[in-house]
Amino acid sequence: MTLQIGLIGGGNISATHARAVSAISGAEIAAVFGTNAEKVGRICQEHGGKPYQQFGEFLSHRPMDMVVIGSPARRTRHRGGESWAARPRRKADRYQLGER
């Protein structure tokens, strides 16, 4: 069974998630939602999936087993805590990001 993944966002973070999904056997991009049609279209052209600009239509897409939100870390920082991007990178992080 192939895991069908939806992406929210059309920017660099979502493009990174799309590349990661494309590298995983048994997973594929099913749908991408974003407000910038050009960016969403580019991700879909490169990695598959159906582009959406209407959130309700995106959520109704089937099959879709999970959704990944592509939001910059500065927008997901919790009060009183550090974001992932602000902390020092570990060796495993650098490896996953292609840094050696």
N, C-alpha and C. Protein backbone atom coordinates (compact mmCIF):
# COMPACT_ATOMS: atom_id res chain seq x y z
N MET A 1 0.83 -1.18 0.00
CA MET A 1 0.00 0.00 0.00
C MET A 1 0.88 1.24 0.00
N THR A 2 0.55 2.20 -0.82
CA THR A 2 1.29 3.46 -0.91
C THR A 2 0.63 4.50 -0.02
N LEU A 3 1.43 5.14 0.81
CA LEU A 3 0.95 6.20 1.69
C LEU A 3 0.75 7.47 0.87
N GLN A 4 -0.45 8.01 0.87
CA GLN A 4 -0.80 9.20 0.10
C GLN A 4 -0.69 10.41 1.02
N ILE A 5 0.19 11.36 0.67
CA ILE A 5 0.50 12.49 1.53
C ILE A 5 0.06 13.80 0.89
N GLY A 6 -0.60 14.64 1.68
CA GLY A 6 -0.98 15.98 1.26
C GLY A 6 -0.03 16.99 1.88
N LEU A 7 0.30 18.03 1.14
CA LEU A 7 1.17 19.10 1.63
C LEU A 7 0.38 20.39 1.73
N ILE A 8 0.57 21.11 2.82
CA ILE A 8 -0.01 22.45 2.96
C ILE A 8 1.13 23.44 2.85
N GLY A 9 1.07 24.27 1.82
CA GLY A 9 2.11 25.26 1.58
C GLY A 9 2.81 25.00 0.26
N GLY A 10 3.24 26.08 -0.38
CA GLY A 10 3.91 25.95 -1.66
C GLY A 10 5.32 26.50 -1.67
N GLY A 11 5.85 26.79 -0.49
CA GLY A 11 7.17 27.40 -0.41
C GLY A 11 8.31 26.39 -0.29
N ASN A 12 9.44 26.89 0.16
CA ASN A 12 10.65 26.07 0.24
C ASN A 12 10.52 24.90 1.21
N ILE A 13 9.85 25.12 2.34
CA ILE A 13 9.69 24.05 3.31
C ILE A 13 8.88 22.90 2.70
N SER A 14 7.79 23.23 2.03
CA SER A 14 6.97 22.19 1.38
C SER A 14 7.72 21.51 0.25
N ALA A 15 8.52 22.25 -0.48
CA ALA A 15 9.34 21.65 -1.55
C ALA A 15 10.33 20.65 -0.95
N THR A 16 10.88 20.99 0.21
CA THR A 16 11.80 20.07 0.90
C THR A 16 11.06 18.82 1.34
N HIS A 17 9.85 18.98 1.90
CA HIS A 17 9.04 17.82 2.28
C HIS A 17 8.71 16.97 1.06
N ALA A 18 8.39 17.61 -0.06
CA ALA A 18 8.04 16.88 -1.28
C ALA A 18 9.24 16.06 -1.77
N ARG A 19 10.43 16.64 -1.72
CA ARG A 19 11.63 15.88 -2.11
C ARG A 19 11.83 14.67 -1.20
N ALA A 20 11.60 14.87 0.09
CA ALA A 20 11.76 13.77 1.05
C ALA A 20 10.75 12.66 0.77
N VAL A 21 9.50 13.03 0.53
CA VAL A 21 8.47 12.03 0.24
C VAL A 21 8.82 11.28 -1.04
N SER A 22 9.31 11.98 -2.04
CA SER A 22 9.66 11.35 -3.31
C SER A 22 10.77 10.31 -3.15
N ALA A 23 11.59 10.50 -2.13
CA ALA A 23 12.70 9.58 -1.89
C ALA A 23 12.30 8.35 -1.07
N ILE A 24 11.08 8.34 -0.57
CA ILE A 24 10.61 7.24 0.28
C ILE A 24 9.81 6.24 -0.56
N SER A 25 10.26 5.02 -0.55
CA SER A 25 9.52 3.96 -1.23
C SER A 25 8.22 3.72 -0.49
N GLY A 26 7.12 3.67 -1.20
CA GLY A 26 5.83 3.43 -0.57
C GLY A 26 5.11 4.68 -0.12
N ALA A 27 5.58 5.85 -0.58
CA ALA A 27 4.91 7.12 -0.25
C ALA A 27 4.90 8.00 -1.49
N GLU A 28 3.85 8.79 -1.64
CA GLU A 28 3.80 9.73 -2.75
C GLU A 28 2.93 10.93 -2.38
N ILE A 29 3.19 12.03 -3.07
CA ILE A 29 2.41 13.24 -2.87
C ILE A 29 1.06 13.06 -3.57
N ALA A 30 -0.02 13.25 -2.82
CA ALA A 30 -1.36 13.12 -3.38
C ALA A 30 -1.93 14.47 -3.79
N ALA A 31 -1.68 15.50 -2.96
CA ALA A 31 -2.26 16.82 -3.20
C ALA A 31 -1.42 17.88 -2.51
N VAL A 32 -1.45 19.10 -3.07
CA VAL A 32 -0.71 20.23 -2.48
C VAL A 32 -1.65 21.43 -2.44
N PHE A 33 -1.77 22.05 -1.27
CA PHE A 33 -2.57 23.25 -1.11
C PHE A 33 -1.66 24.44 -0.85
N GLY A 34 -1.96 25.56 -1.50
CA GLY A 34 -1.25 26.80 -1.24
C GLY A 34 -1.93 27.96 -1.93
N THR A 35 -1.59 29.17 -1.48
CA THR A 35 -2.22 30.35 -2.06
C THR A 35 -1.51 30.84 -3.31
N ASN A 36 -0.27 30.42 -3.52
CA ASN A 36 0.49 30.82 -4.70
C ASN A 36 0.41 29.69 -5.73
N ALA A 37 -0.44 29.87 -6.73
CA ALA A 37 -0.68 28.82 -7.73
C ALA A 37 0.59 28.41 -8.46
N GLU A 38 1.47 29.37 -8.73
CA GLU A 38 2.70 29.06 -9.46
C GLU A 38 3.60 28.12 -8.64
N LYS A 39 3.77 28.44 -7.36
CA LYS A 39 4.63 27.60 -6.51
C LYS A 39 4.02 26.22 -6.29
N VAL A 40 2.72 26.17 -6.03
CA VAL A 40 2.04 24.89 -5.83
C VAL A 40 2.13 24.04 -7.10
N GLY A 41 1.91 24.68 -8.24
CA GLY A 41 2.01 23.98 -9.52
C GLY A 41 3.39 23.42 -9.77
N ARG A 42 4.42 24.17 -9.40
CA ARG A 42 5.80 23.71 -9.58
C ARG A 42 6.07 22.46 -8.74
N ILE A 43 5.61 22.47 -7.49
CA ILE A 43 5.81 21.30 -6.63
C ILE A 43 5.10 20.08 -7.23
N CYS A 44 3.86 20.28 -7.68
CA CYS A 44 3.11 19.17 -8.26
C CYS A 44 3.75 18.66 -9.56
N GLN A 45 4.26 19.57 -10.35
CA GLN A 45 4.91 19.17 -11.61
C GLN A 45 6.17 18.35 -11.33
N GLU A 46 6.92 18.74 -10.31
CA GLU A 46 8.17 18.05 -9.99
C GLU A 46 7.97 16.77 -9.19
N HIS A 47 6.93 16.72 -8.33
CA HIS A 47 6.81 15.60 -7.39
C HIS A 47 5.47 14.89 -7.43
N GLY A 48 4.58 15.33 -8.31
CA GLY A 48 3.27 14.69 -8.40
C GLY A 48 2.26 15.35 -7.48
N GLY A 49 1.06 14.88 -7.54
CA GLY A 49 -0.01 15.42 -6.71
C GLY A 49 -0.88 16.40 -7.48
N LYS A 50 -2.03 16.65 -6.93
CA LYS A 50 -2.98 17.58 -7.54
C LYS A 50 -2.91 18.92 -6.81
N PRO A 51 -2.79 20.03 -7.55
CA PRO A 51 -2.72 21.34 -6.90
C PRO A 51 -4.09 21.86 -6.49
N TYR A 52 -4.14 22.51 -5.33
CA TYR A 52 -5.38 23.12 -4.84
C TYR A 52 -5.10 24.51 -4.31
N GLN A 53 -6.05 25.42 -4.53
CA GLN A 53 -6.00 26.74 -3.92
C GLN A 53 -7.19 26.97 -2.99
N GLN A 54 -8.10 26.02 -2.95
CA GLN A 54 -9.24 26.06 -2.03
C GLN A 54 -9.02 24.99 -0.96
N PHE A 55 -8.92 25.44 0.30
CA PHE A 55 -8.57 24.54 1.38
C PHE A 55 -9.58 23.41 1.56
N GLY A 56 -10.87 23.72 1.48
CA GLY A 56 -11.90 22.69 1.63
C GLY A 56 -11.79 21.61 0.58
N GLU A 57 -11.52 22.02 -0.65
CA GLU A 57 -11.35 21.04 -1.74
C GLU A 57 -10.12 20.17 -1.48
N PHE A 58 -9.04 20.80 -1.01
CA PHE A 58 -7.82 20.05 -0.67
C PHE A 58 -8.13 18.98 0.38
N LEU A 59 -8.83 19.37 1.45
CA LEU A 59 -9.14 18.42 2.52
C LEU A 59 -10.06 17.31 2.07
N SER A 60 -10.83 17.55 1.01
CA SER A 60 -11.73 16.52 0.48
C SER A 60 -11.05 15.56 -0.48
N HIS A 61 -9.80 15.85 -0.85
CA HIS A 61 -9.08 15.01 -1.80
C HIS A 61 -8.95 13.58 -1.25
N ARG A 62 -9.22 12.63 -2.08
CA ARG A 62 -9.05 11.22 -1.71
C ARG A 62 -8.35 10.49 -2.83
N PRO A 63 -7.45 9.56 -2.52
CA PRO A 63 -7.02 9.19 -1.18
C PRO A 63 -5.98 10.18 -0.64
N MET A 64 -6.01 10.38 0.67
CA MET A 64 -4.99 11.18 1.36
C MET A 64 -4.93 10.65 2.80
N ASP A 65 -3.82 10.02 3.14
CA ASP A 65 -3.67 9.36 4.43
C ASP A 65 -3.16 10.29 5.53
N MET A 66 -2.40 11.30 5.14
CA MET A 66 -1.86 12.23 6.12
C MET A 66 -1.55 13.56 5.45
N VAL A 67 -1.41 14.59 6.26
CA VAL A 67 -1.12 15.93 5.77
C VAL A 67 0.13 16.45 6.48
N VAL A 68 1.03 17.05 5.73
CA VAL A 68 2.24 17.66 6.27
C VAL A 68 2.13 19.16 6.07
N ILE A 69 2.37 19.92 7.13
CA ILE A 69 2.28 21.37 7.05
C ILE A 69 3.68 21.94 6.85
N GLY A 70 3.86 22.65 5.75
CA GLY A 70 5.15 23.26 5.45
C GLY A 70 5.16 24.71 5.89
N SER A 71 5.57 24.95 7.12
CA SER A 71 5.59 26.30 7.66
C SER A 71 6.97 26.58 8.22
N PRO A 72 7.53 27.75 7.95
CA PRO A 72 8.84 28.08 8.52
C PRO A 72 8.85 27.96 10.03
N ALA A 73 9.96 27.53 10.59
CA ALA A 73 10.07 27.30 12.03
C ALA A 73 9.75 28.56 12.83
N ARG A 74 10.07 29.72 12.32
CA ARG A 74 9.80 30.94 13.08
C ARG A 74 8.31 31.15 13.30
N ARG A 75 7.49 30.51 12.49
CA ARG A 75 6.03 30.62 12.65
C ARG A 75 5.47 29.56 13.58
N THR A 76 6.25 28.55 13.90
CA THR A 76 5.76 27.46 14.73
C THR A 76 6.41 27.45 16.10
N ARG A 77 7.15 28.47 16.43
CA ARG A 77 7.83 28.53 17.72
C ARG A 77 6.81 28.58 18.85
N HIS A 78 7.06 27.80 19.87
CA HIS A 78 6.19 27.80 21.03
C HIS A 78 6.66 28.87 22.00
N ARG A 79 5.74 29.44 22.74
CA ARG A 79 6.10 30.45 23.72
C ARG A 79 7.05 29.86 24.74
N GLY A 80 8.13 30.56 24.97
CA GLY A 80 9.09 30.13 25.97
C GLY A 80 10.05 29.05 25.48
N GLY A 81 9.91 28.62 24.24
CA GLY A 81 10.79 27.57 23.73
C GLY A 81 11.48 27.99 22.46
N GLU A 82 12.45 27.21 22.07
CA GLU A 82 13.17 27.50 20.83
C GLU A 82 12.58 26.72 19.69
N SER A 83 12.68 27.28 18.53
CA SER A 83 12.24 26.55 17.34
C SER A 83 13.35 25.57 16.94
N TRP A 84 12.99 24.61 16.10
CA TRP A 84 13.97 23.65 15.61
C TRP A 84 15.10 24.37 14.88
N ALA A 85 14.76 25.40 14.10
CA ALA A 85 15.77 26.10 13.31
C ALA A 85 16.74 26.88 14.19
N ALA A 86 16.33 27.23 15.39
CA ALA A 86 17.18 28.05 16.26
C ALA A 86 18.19 27.21 17.04
N ARG A 87 17.96 25.92 17.16
CA ARG A 87 18.87 25.12 17.97
C ARG A 87 20.08 24.67 17.14
N PRO A 88 21.18 24.33 17.81
CA PRO A 88 22.35 23.84 17.07
C PRO A 88 22.03 22.55 16.34
N ARG A 89 22.59 22.39 15.18
CA ARG A 89 22.33 21.19 14.38
C ARG A 89 23.17 20.03 14.89
N ARG A 90 22.52 18.89 14.97
CA ARG A 90 23.21 17.66 15.33
C ARG A 90 23.72 17.01 14.05
N LYS A 91 24.60 16.05 14.20
CA LYS A 91 25.14 15.35 13.04
C LYS A 91 24.02 14.70 12.22
N ALA A 92 23.02 14.11 12.89
CA ALA A 92 21.91 13.47 12.17
C ALA A 92 21.12 14.49 11.36
N ASP A 93 20.94 15.71 11.90
CA ASP A 93 20.23 16.76 11.17
C ASP A 93 20.99 17.12 9.90
N ARG A 94 22.28 17.30 10.03
CA ARG A 94 23.08 17.69 8.87
C ARG A 94 23.04 16.61 7.80
N TYR A 95 23.04 15.35 8.21
CA TYR A 95 22.98 14.25 7.25
C TYR A 95 21.65 14.26 6.50
N GLN A 96 20.54 14.42 7.23
CA GLN A 96 19.24 14.43 6.60
C GLN A 96 19.07 15.61 5.66
N LEU A 97 19.72 16.72 5.96
CA LEU A 97 19.59 17.92 5.13
C LEU A 97 20.61 17.94 3.99
N GLY A 98 21.42 16.89 3.88
CA GLY A 98 22.41 16.83 2.80
C GLY A 98 23.68 17.59 3.10
N GLU A 99 23.84 18.04 4.35
CA GLU A 99 25.06 18.75 4.75
C GLU A 99 26.03 17.72 5.33
N ARG A 100 27.27 17.84 4.99
CA ARG A 100 28.26 16.86 5.52
C ARG A 100 29.36 17.58 6.23
